[in-house]
Amino acid sequence: MEALKVFDTWVEVPGKTLHFDVMTADQATALRLANEHVAAQGYTTITVTSEECRFCHQEPLVMFTEQQRNEFLKSGGFIVPLSA
């Protein structure tokens, strides 16, 4: 059974904190996806590093929705937004 690594991510942006998990197979992909996500929120000048995006634990891929599994296959991972 394939497992995804969960990277717990907290990013300070002007006026608030973004909190989300990146579900992927490795840290390089987690950082790429985290930076894409933050840029998509309008914060293109902020760079997410391994200080903000840290490995937390693993979860089996089967736990996620079909849409999330497809996103993993297409993009190498996906974002799960969380409340800050």
PDB file of N, CA and C in Angstrom:
ATOM      1  N   MET A   1       0.845  -1.178   0.000  1.00  0.00           N
ATOM      2  CA  MET A   1       0.000   0.000   0.000  1.00  0.00           C
ATOM      3  C   MET A   1       0.889   1.240   0.000  1.00  0.00           C
ATOM      4  N   GLU A   2       0.611   2.133  -0.929  1.00  0.00           N
ATOM      5  CA  GLU A   2       1.403   3.347  -1.037  1.00  0.00           C
ATOM      6  C   GLU A   2       1.002   4.341   0.050  1.00  0.00           C
ATOM      7  N   ALA A   3       1.996   4.985   0.631  1.00  0.00           N
ATOM      8  CA  ALA A   3       1.735   5.979   1.672  1.00  0.00           C
ATOM      9  C   ALA A   3       2.239   7.340   1.206  1.00  0.00           C
ATOM     10  N   LEU A   4       1.505   8.368   1.580  1.00  0.00           N
ATOM     11  CA  LEU A   4       1.917   9.736   1.297  1.00  0.00           C
ATOM     12  C   LEU A   4       2.516  10.346   2.554  1.00  0.00           C
ATOM     13  N   LYS A   5       3.524  11.164   2.354  1.00  0.00           N
ATOM     14  CA  LYS A   5       4.087  11.915   3.465  1.00  0.00           C
ATOM     15  C   LYS A   5       3.267  13.189   3.637  1.00  0.00           C
ATOM     16  N   VAL A   6       3.004  13.520   4.882  1.00  0.00           N
ATOM     17  CA  VAL A   6       2.244  14.718   5.207  1.00  0.00           C
ATOM     18  C   VAL A   6       3.227  15.779   5.694  1.00  0.00           C
ATOM     19  N   PHE A   7       3.249  16.923   5.008  1.00  0.00           N
ATOM     20  CA  PHE A   7       4.111  18.031   5.386  1.00  0.00           C
ATOM     21  C   PHE A   7       3.225  19.144   5.945  1.00  0.00           C
ATOM     22  N   ASP A   8       3.276  19.317   7.257  1.00  0.00           N
ATOM     23  CA  ASP A   8       2.493  20.349   7.938  1.00  0.00           C
ATOM     24  C   ASP A   8       3.136  21.698   7.623  1.00  0.00           C
ATOM     25  N   THR A   9       2.330  22.645   7.121  1.00  0.00           N
ATOM     26  CA  THR A   9       2.880  23.896   6.607  1.00  0.00           C
ATOM     27  C   THR A   9       2.175  25.100   7.223  1.00  0.00           C
ATOM     28  N   TRP A  10       2.984  25.995   7.773  1.00  0.00           N
ATOM     29  CA  TRP A  10       2.510  27.255   8.361  1.00  0.00           C
ATOM     30  C   TRP A  10       3.311  28.369   7.704  1.00  0.00           C
ATOM     31  N   VAL A  11       2.620  29.297   7.036  1.00  0.00           N
ATOM     32  CA  VAL A  11       3.297  30.375   6.328  1.00  0.00           C
ATOM     33  C   VAL A  11       2.711  31.712   6.767  1.00  0.00           C
ATOM     34  N   GLU A  12       3.582  32.591   7.253  1.00  0.00           N
ATOM     35  CA  GLU A  12       3.158  33.942   7.636  1.00  0.00           C
ATOM     36  C   GLU A  12       3.083  34.796   6.370  1.00  0.00           C
ATOM     37  N   VAL A  13       1.917  35.368   6.132  1.00  0.00           N
ATOM     38  CA  VAL A  13       1.715  36.295   5.021  1.00  0.00           C
ATOM     39  C   VAL A  13       1.165  37.586   5.625  1.00  0.00           C
ATOM     40  N   PRO A  14       1.175  38.682   4.890  1.00  0.00           N
ATOM     41  CA  PRO A  14       0.680  39.942   5.468  1.00  0.00           C
ATOM     42  C   PRO A  14      -0.730  39.798   6.055  1.00  0.00           C
ATOM     43  N   GLY A  15      -0.827  40.021   7.361  1.00  0.00           N
ATOM     44  CA  GLY A  15      -2.115  40.043   8.025  1.00  0.00           C
ATOM     45  C   GLY A  15      -2.688  38.713   8.481  1.00  0.00           C
ATOM     46  N   LYS A  16      -2.031  37.599   8.146  1.00  0.00           N
ATOM     47  CA  LYS A  16      -2.570  36.308   8.573  1.00  0.00           C
ATOM     48  C   LYS A  16      -1.542  35.192   8.414  1.00  0.00           C
ATOM     49  N   THR A  17      -1.952  34.012   8.841  1.00  0.00           N
ATOM     50  CA  THR A  17      -1.124  32.813   8.698  1.00  0.00           C
ATOM     51  C   THR A  17      -1.873  31.814   7.831  1.00  0.00           C
ATOM     52  N   LEU A  18      -1.195  31.293   6.822  1.00  0.00           N
ATOM     53  CA  LEU A  18      -1.765  30.214   6.015  1.00  0.00           C
ATOM     54  C   LEU A  18      -1.334  28.891   6.645  1.00  0.00           C
ATOM     55  N   HIS A  19      -2.287  27.983   6.847  1.00  0.00           N
ATOM     56  CA  HIS A  19      -1.986  26.666   7.400  1.00  0.00           C
ATOM     57  C   HIS A  19      -2.578  25.633   6.461  1.00  0.00           C
ATOM     58  N   PHE A  20      -1.734  24.715   6.013  1.00  0.00           N
ATOM     59  CA  PHE A  20      -2.193  23.655   5.118  1.00  0.00           C
ATOM     60  C   PHE A  20      -1.228  22.486   5.188  1.00  0.00           C
ATOM     61  N   ASP A  21      -1.721  21.324   4.793  1.00  0.00           N
ATOM     62  CA  ASP A  21      -0.870  20.143   4.666  1.00  0.00           C
ATOM     63  C   ASP A  21      -0.583  19.907   3.193  1.00  0.00           C
ATOM     64  N   VAL A  22       0.650  19.518   2.911  1.00  0.00           N
ATOM     65  CA  VAL A  22       1.024  19.091   1.570  1.00  0.00           C
ATOM     66  C   VAL A  22       1.179  17.580   1.631  1.00  0.00           C
ATOM     67  N   MET A  23       0.428  16.879   0.804  1.00  0.00           N
ATOM     68  CA  MET A  23       0.479  15.423   0.735  1.00  0.00           C
ATOM     69  C   MET A  23       1.256  15.035  -0.518  1.00  0.00           C
ATOM     70  N   THR A  24       2.405  14.387  -0.311  1.00  0.00           N
ATOM     71  CA  THR A  24       3.261  14.046  -1.438  1.00  0.00           C
ATOM     72  C   THR A  24       4.242  12.955  -1.031  1.00  0.00           C
ATOM     73  N   ALA A  25       5.205  12.674  -1.896  1.00  0.00           N
ATOM     74  CA  ALA A  25       6.153  11.587  -1.635  1.00  0.00           C
ATOM     75  C   ALA A  25       7.503  12.066  -1.108  1.00  0.00           C
ATOM     76  N   ASP A  26       7.839  13.365  -1.300  1.00  0.00           N
ATOM     77  CA  ASP A  26       9.171  13.828  -0.899  1.00  0.00           C
ATOM     78  C   ASP A  26       9.152  15.323  -0.607  1.00  0.00           C
ATOM     79  N   GLN A  27      10.176  15.791   0.083  1.00  0.00           N
ATOM     80  CA  GLN A  27      10.222  17.184   0.505  1.00  0.00           C
ATOM     81  C   GLN A  27      10.364  18.153  -0.660  1.00  0.00           C
ATOM     82  N   ALA A  28      11.132  17.809  -1.682  1.00  0.00           N
ATOM     83  CA  ALA A  28      11.300  18.717  -2.820  1.00  0.00           C
ATOM     84  C   ALA A  28       9.947  19.004  -3.482  1.00  0.00           C
ATOM     85  N   THR A  29       9.150  17.978  -3.668  1.00  0.00           N
ATOM     86  CA  THR A  29       7.824  18.162  -4.251  1.00  0.00           C
ATOM     87  C   THR A  29       6.928  18.935  -3.296  1.00  0.00           C
ATOM     88  N   ALA A  30       7.043  18.660  -1.994  1.00  0.00           N
ATOM     89  CA  ALA A  30       6.241  19.384  -0.996  1.00  0.00           C
ATOM     90  C   ALA A  30       6.535  20.880  -1.074  1.00  0.00           C
ATOM     91  N   LEU A  31       7.796  21.253  -1.173  1.00  0.00           N
ATOM     92  CA  LEU A  31       8.152  22.666  -1.252  1.00  0.00           C
ATOM     93  C   LEU A  31       7.649  23.287  -2.551  1.00  0.00           C
ATOM     94  N   ARG A  32       7.750  22.568  -3.658  1.00  0.00           N
ATOM     95  CA  ARG A  32       7.241  23.088  -4.938  1.00  0.00           C
ATOM     96  C   ARG A  32       5.746  23.338  -4.848  1.00  0.00           C
ATOM     97  N   LEU A  33       5.002  22.342  -4.353  1.00  0.00           N
ATOM     98  CA  LEU A  33       3.554  22.478  -4.254  1.00  0.00           C
ATOM     99  C   LEU A  33       3.154  23.567  -3.251  1.00  0.00           C
ATOM    100  N   ALA A  34       3.869  23.669  -2.143  1.00  0.00           N
ATOM    101  CA  ALA A  34       3.573  24.704  -1.145  1.00  0.00           C
ATOM    102  C   ALA A  34       3.786  26.089  -1.738  1.00  0.00           C
ATOM    103  N   ASN A  35       4.866  26.277  -2.459  1.00  0.00           N
ATOM    104  CA  ASN A  35       5.134  27.579  -3.073  1.00  0.00           C
ATOM    105  C   ASN A  35       4.112  27.912  -4.151  1.00  0.00           C
ATOM    106  N   GLU A  36       3.695  26.911  -4.932  1.00  0.00           N
ATOM    107  CA  GLU A  36       2.647  27.129  -5.938  1.00  0.00           C
ATOM    108  C   GLU A  36       1.339  27.522  -5.251  1.00  0.00           C
ATOM    109  N   HIS A  37       1.015  26.868  -4.150  1.00  0.00           N
ATOM    110  CA  HIS A  37      -0.219  27.151  -3.421  1.00  0.00           C
ATOM    111  C   HIS A  37      -0.204  28.568  -2.850  1.00  0.00           C
ATOM    112  N   VAL A  38       0.894  28.966  -2.228  1.00  0.00           N
ATOM    113  CA  VAL A  38       1.001  30.302  -1.651  1.00  0.00           C
ATOM    114  C   VAL A  38       0.921  31.356  -2.766  1.00  0.00           C
ATOM    115  N   ALA A  39       1.588  31.124  -3.877  1.00  0.00           N
ATOM    116  CA  ALA A  39       1.532  32.068  -5.008  1.00  0.00           C
ATOM    117  C   ALA A  39       0.108  32.171  -5.548  1.00  0.00           C
ATOM    118  N   ALA A  40      -0.611  31.052  -5.598  1.00  0.00           N
ATOM    119  CA  ALA A  40      -1.990  31.056  -6.083  1.00  0.00           C
ATOM    120  C   ALA A  40      -2.918  31.843  -5.155  1.00  0.00           C
ATOM    121  N   GLN A  41      -2.502  32.000  -3.897  1.00  0.00           N
ATOM    122  CA  GLN A  41      -3.275  32.796  -2.940  1.00  0.00           C
ATOM    123  C   GLN A  41      -2.961  34.289  -3.083  1.00  0.00           C
ATOM    124  N   GLY A  42      -2.057  34.631  -4.010  1.00  0.00           N
ATOM    125  CA  GLY A  42      -1.712  36.025  -4.252  1.00  0.00           C
ATOM    126  C   GLY A  42      -0.440  36.492  -3.579  1.00  0.00           C
ATOM    127  N   TYR A  43       0.296  35.593  -2.951  1.00  0.00           N
ATOM    128  CA  TYR A  43       1.520  35.954  -2.226  1.00  0.00           C
ATOM    129  C   TYR A  43       2.745  35.474  -3.006  1.00  0.00           C
ATOM    130  N   THR A  44       2.940  36.066  -4.184  1.00  0.00           N
ATOM    131  CA  THR A  44       3.989  35.599  -5.093  1.00  0.00           C
ATOM    132  C   THR A  44       5.398  35.933  -4.620  1.00  0.00           C
ATOM    133  N   THR A  45       5.539  36.864  -3.683  1.00  0.00           N
ATOM    134  CA  THR A  45       6.885  37.247  -3.222  1.00  0.00           C
ATOM    135  C   THR A  45       7.338  36.434  -2.013  1.00  0.00           C
ATOM    136  N   ILE A  46       6.469  35.557  -1.500  1.00  0.00           N
ATOM    137  CA  ILE A  46       6.816  34.768  -0.317  1.00  0.00           C
ATOM    138  C   ILE A  46       7.312  33.394  -0.753  1.00  0.00           C
ATOM    139  N   THR A  47       8.445  32.976  -0.195  1.00  0.00           N
ATOM    140  CA  THR A  47       9.012  31.668  -0.503  1.00  0.00           C
ATOM    141  C   THR A  47       8.858  30.755   0.705  1.00  0.00           C
ATOM    142  N   VAL A  48       8.269  29.597   0.479  1.00  0.00           N
ATOM    143  CA  VAL A  48       8.110  28.596   1.537  1.00  0.00           C
ATOM    144  C   VAL A  48       9.387  27.759   1.595  1.00  0.00           C
ATOM    145  N   THR A  49       9.930  27.591   2.795  1.00  0.00           N
ATOM    146  CA  THR A  49      11.142  26.798   2.979  1.00  0.00           C
ATOM    147  C   THR A  49      10.834  25.584   3.856  1.00  0.00           C
ATOM    148  N   SER A  50      11.845  24.781   4.095  1.00  0.00           N
ATOM    149  CA  SER A  50      11.679  23.607   4.959  1.00  0.00           C
ATOM    150  C   SER A  50      11.411  24.008   6.411  1.00  0.00           C
ATOM    151  N   GLU A  51      11.632  25.267   6.757  1.00  0.00           N
ATOM    152  CA  GLU A  51      11.292  25.744   8.105  1.00  0.00           C
ATOM    153  C   GLU A  51       9.775  25.819   8.292  1.00  0.00           C
ATOM    154  N   GLU A  52       9.060  26.204   7.226  1.00  0.00           N
ATOM    155  CA  GLU A  52       7.599  26.329   7.297  1.00  0.00           C
ATOM    156  C   GLU A  52       6.880  25.053   6.882  1.00  0.00           C
ATOM    157  N   CYS A  53       7.528  24.234   6.106  1.00  0.00           N
ATOM    158  CA  CYS A  53       6.916  23.030   5.515  1.00  0.00           C
ATOM    159  C   CYS A  53       7.681  21.805   6.021  1.00  0.00           C
ATOM    160  N   ARG A  54       7.148  21.188   7.078  1.00  0.00           N
ATOM    161  CA  ARG A  54       7.891  20.114   7.758  1.00  0.00           C
ATOM    162  C   ARG A  54       7.160  18.776   7.702  1.00  0.00           C
ATOM    163  N   PHE A  55       7.938  17.720   7.476  1.00  0.00           N
ATOM    164  CA  PHE A  55       7.376  16.373   7.491  1.00  0.00           C
ATOM    165  C   PHE A  55       6.759  16.111   8.859  1.00  0.00           C
ATOM    166  N   CYS A  56       5.558  15.549   8.847  1.00  0.00           N
ATOM    167  CA  CYS A  56       4.829  15.300  10.093  1.00  0.00           C
ATOM    168  C   CYS A  56       4.612  13.796  10.300  1.00  0.00           C
ATOM    169  N   HIS A  57       3.988  13.142   9.317  1.00  0.00           N
ATOM    170  CA  HIS A  57       3.710  11.722   9.408  1.00  0.00           C
ATOM    171  C   HIS A  57       3.311  11.202   8.027  1.00  0.00           C
ATOM    172  N   GLN A  58       2.920   9.956   7.944  1.00  0.00           N
ATOM    173  CA  GLN A  58       2.486   9.356   6.675  1.00  0.00           C
ATOM    174  C   GLN A  58       1.049   8.878   6.789  1.00  0.00           C
ATOM    175  N   GLU A  59       0.354   8.883   5.648  1.00  0.00           N
ATOM    176  CA  GLU A  59      -1.016   8.383   5.566  1.00  0.00           C
ATOM    177  C   GLU A  59      -1.133   7.518   4.316  1.00  0.00           C
ATOM    178  N   PRO A  60      -1.898   6.426   4.372  1.00  0.00           N
ATOM    179  CA  PRO A  60      -2.086   5.591   3.187  1.00  0.00           C
ATOM    180  C   PRO A  60      -2.857   6.356   2.103  1.00  0.00           C
ATOM    181  N   LEU A  61      -2.430   6.205   0.870  1.00  0.00           N
ATOM    182  CA  LEU A  61      -3.067   6.885  -0.255  1.00  0.00           C
ATOM    183  C   LEU A  61      -4.552   6.538  -0.356  1.00  0.00           C
ATOM    184  N   VAL A  62      -4.915   5.335   0.028  1.00  0.00           N
ATOM    185  CA  VAL A  62      -6.319   4.907  -0.070  1.00  0.00           C
ATOM    186  C   VAL A  62      -7.249   5.713   0.836  1.00  0.00           C
ATOM    187  N   MET A  63      -6.710   6.436   1.815  1.00  0.00           N
ATOM    188  CA  MET A  63      -7.535   7.244   2.719  1.00  0.00           C
ATOM    189  C   MET A  63      -8.122   8.470   2.036  1.00  0.00           C
ATOM    190  N   PHE A  64      -7.578   8.853   0.901  1.00  0.00           N
ATOM    191  CA  PHE A  64      -7.961  10.094   0.258  1.00  0.00           C
ATOM    192  C   PHE A  64      -8.998   9.868  -0.834  1.00  0.00           C
ATOM    193  N   THR A  65      -9.656  10.954  -1.228  1.00  0.00           N
ATOM    194  CA  THR A  65     -10.701  10.867  -2.244  1.00  0.00           C
ATOM    195  C   THR A  65     -10.106  10.523  -3.603  1.00  0.00           C
ATOM    196  N   GLU A  66     -10.957  10.099  -4.494  1.00  0.00           N
ATOM    197  CA  GLU A  66     -10.510   9.787  -5.853  1.00  0.00           C
ATOM    198  C   GLU A  66      -9.908  11.031  -6.514  1.00  0.00           C
ATOM    199  N   GLN A  67     -10.522  12.184  -6.286  1.00  0.00           N
ATOM    200  CA  GLN A  67     -10.006  13.433  -6.848  1.00  0.00           C
ATOM    201  C   GLN A  67      -8.603  13.722  -6.311  1.00  0.00           C
ATOM    202  N   GLN A  68      -8.398  13.528  -5.009  1.00  0.00           N
ATOM    203  CA  GLN A  68      -7.079  13.761  -4.424  1.00  0.00           C
ATOM    204  C   GLN A  68      -6.060  12.765  -4.950  1.00  0.00           C
ATOM    205  N   ARG A  69      -6.444  11.505  -5.097  1.00  0.00           N
ATOM    206  CA  ARG A  69      -5.526  10.496  -5.646  1.00  0.00           C
ATOM    207  C   ARG A  69      -5.151  10.844  -7.080  1.00  0.00           C
ATOM    208  N   ASN A  70      -6.117  11.320  -7.867  1.00  0.00           N
ATOM    209  CA  ASN A  70      -5.838  11.723  -9.243  1.00  0.00           C
ATOM    210  C   ASN A  70      -4.899  12.916  -9.283  1.00  0.00           C
ATOM    211  N   GLU A  71      -5.096  13.868  -8.371  1.00  0.00           N
ATOM    212  CA  GLU A  71      -4.208  15.030  -8.298  1.00  0.00           C
ATOM    213  C   GLU A  71      -2.788  14.590  -7.940  1.00  0.00           C
ATOM    214  N   PHE A  72      -2.669  13.614  -7.039  1.00  0.00           N
ATOM    215  CA  PHE A  72      -1.355  13.081  -6.692  1.00  0.00           C
ATOM    216  C   PHE A  72      -0.680  12.478  -7.923  1.00  0.00           C
ATOM    217  N   LEU A  73      -1.423  11.710  -8.705  1.00  0.00           N
ATOM    218  CA  LEU A  73      -0.859  11.086  -9.904  1.00  0.00           C
ATOM    219  C   LEU A  73      -0.478  12.132 -10.952  1.00  0.00           C
ATOM    220  N   LYS A  74      -1.278  13.192 -11.066  1.00  0.00           N
ATOM    221  CA  LYS A  74      -1.052  14.235 -12.068  1.00  0.00           C
ATOM    222  C   LYS A  74       0.065  15.189 -11.663  1.00  0.00           C
ATOM    223  N   SER A  75       0.041  15.652 -10.407  1.00  0.00           N
ATOM    224  CA  SER A  75       0.946  16.726  -9.969  1.00  0.00           C
ATOM    225  C   SER A  75       1.999  16.303  -8.965  1.00  0.00           C
ATOM    226  N   GLY A  76       1.923  15.066  -8.489  1.00  0.00           N
ATOM    227  CA  GLY A  76       2.891  14.602  -7.506  1.00  0.00           C
ATOM    228  C   GLY A  76       2.474  14.854  -6.076  1.00  0.00           C
ATOM    229  N   GLY A  77       1.290  15.435  -5.891  1.00  0.00           N
ATOM    230  CA  GLY A  77       0.798  15.699  -4.553  1.00  0.00           C
ATOM    231  C   GLY A  77      -0.402  16.619  -4.594  1.00  0.00           C
ATOM    232  N   PHE A  78      -0.890  16.971  -3.418  1.00  0.00           N
ATOM    233  CA  PHE A  78      -2.018  17.887  -3.323  1.00  0.00           C
ATOM    234  C   PHE A  78      -1.994  18.588  -1.984  1.00  0.00           C
ATOM    235  N   ILE A  79      -2.796  19.649  -1.909  1.00  0.00           N
ATOM    236  CA  ILE A  79      -2.884  20.504  -0.728  1.00  0.00           C
ATOM    237  C   ILE A  79      -4.183  20.223   0.011  1.00  0.00           C
ATOM    238  N   VAL A  80      -4.101  20.160   1.341  1.00  0.00           N
ATOM    239  CA  VAL A  80      -5.292  20.082   2.179  1.00  0.00           C
ATOM    240  C   VAL A  80      -5.294  21.351   3.044  1.00  0.00           C
ATOM    241  N   PRO A  81      -6.191  22.326   2.728  1.00  0.00           N
ATOM    242  CA  PRO A  81      -6.248  23.553   3.521  1.00  0.00           C
ATOM    243  C   PRO A  81      -6.711  23.252   4.942  1.00  0.00           C
ATOM    244  N   LEU A  82      -6.141  23.948   5.913  1.00  0.00           N
ATOM    245  CA  LEU A  82      -6.506  23.808   7.330  1.00  0.00           C
ATOM    246  C   LEU A  82      -6.735  25.194   7.904  1.00  0.00           C
ATOM    247  N   SER A  83      -7.415  25.254   9.030  1.00  0.00           N
ATOM    248  CA  SER A  83      -7.599  26.560   9.672  1.00  0.00           C
ATOM    249  C   SER A  83      -6.354  26.904  10.484  1.00  0.00           C
ATOM    250  N   ALA A  84      -6.039  28.177  10.488  1.00  0.00           N
ATOM    251  CA  ALA A  84      -4.838  28.624  11.202  1.00  0.00           C
ATOM    252  C   ALA A  84      -5.112  28.806  12.674  1.00  0.00           C
TER     253      ALA A  84
END
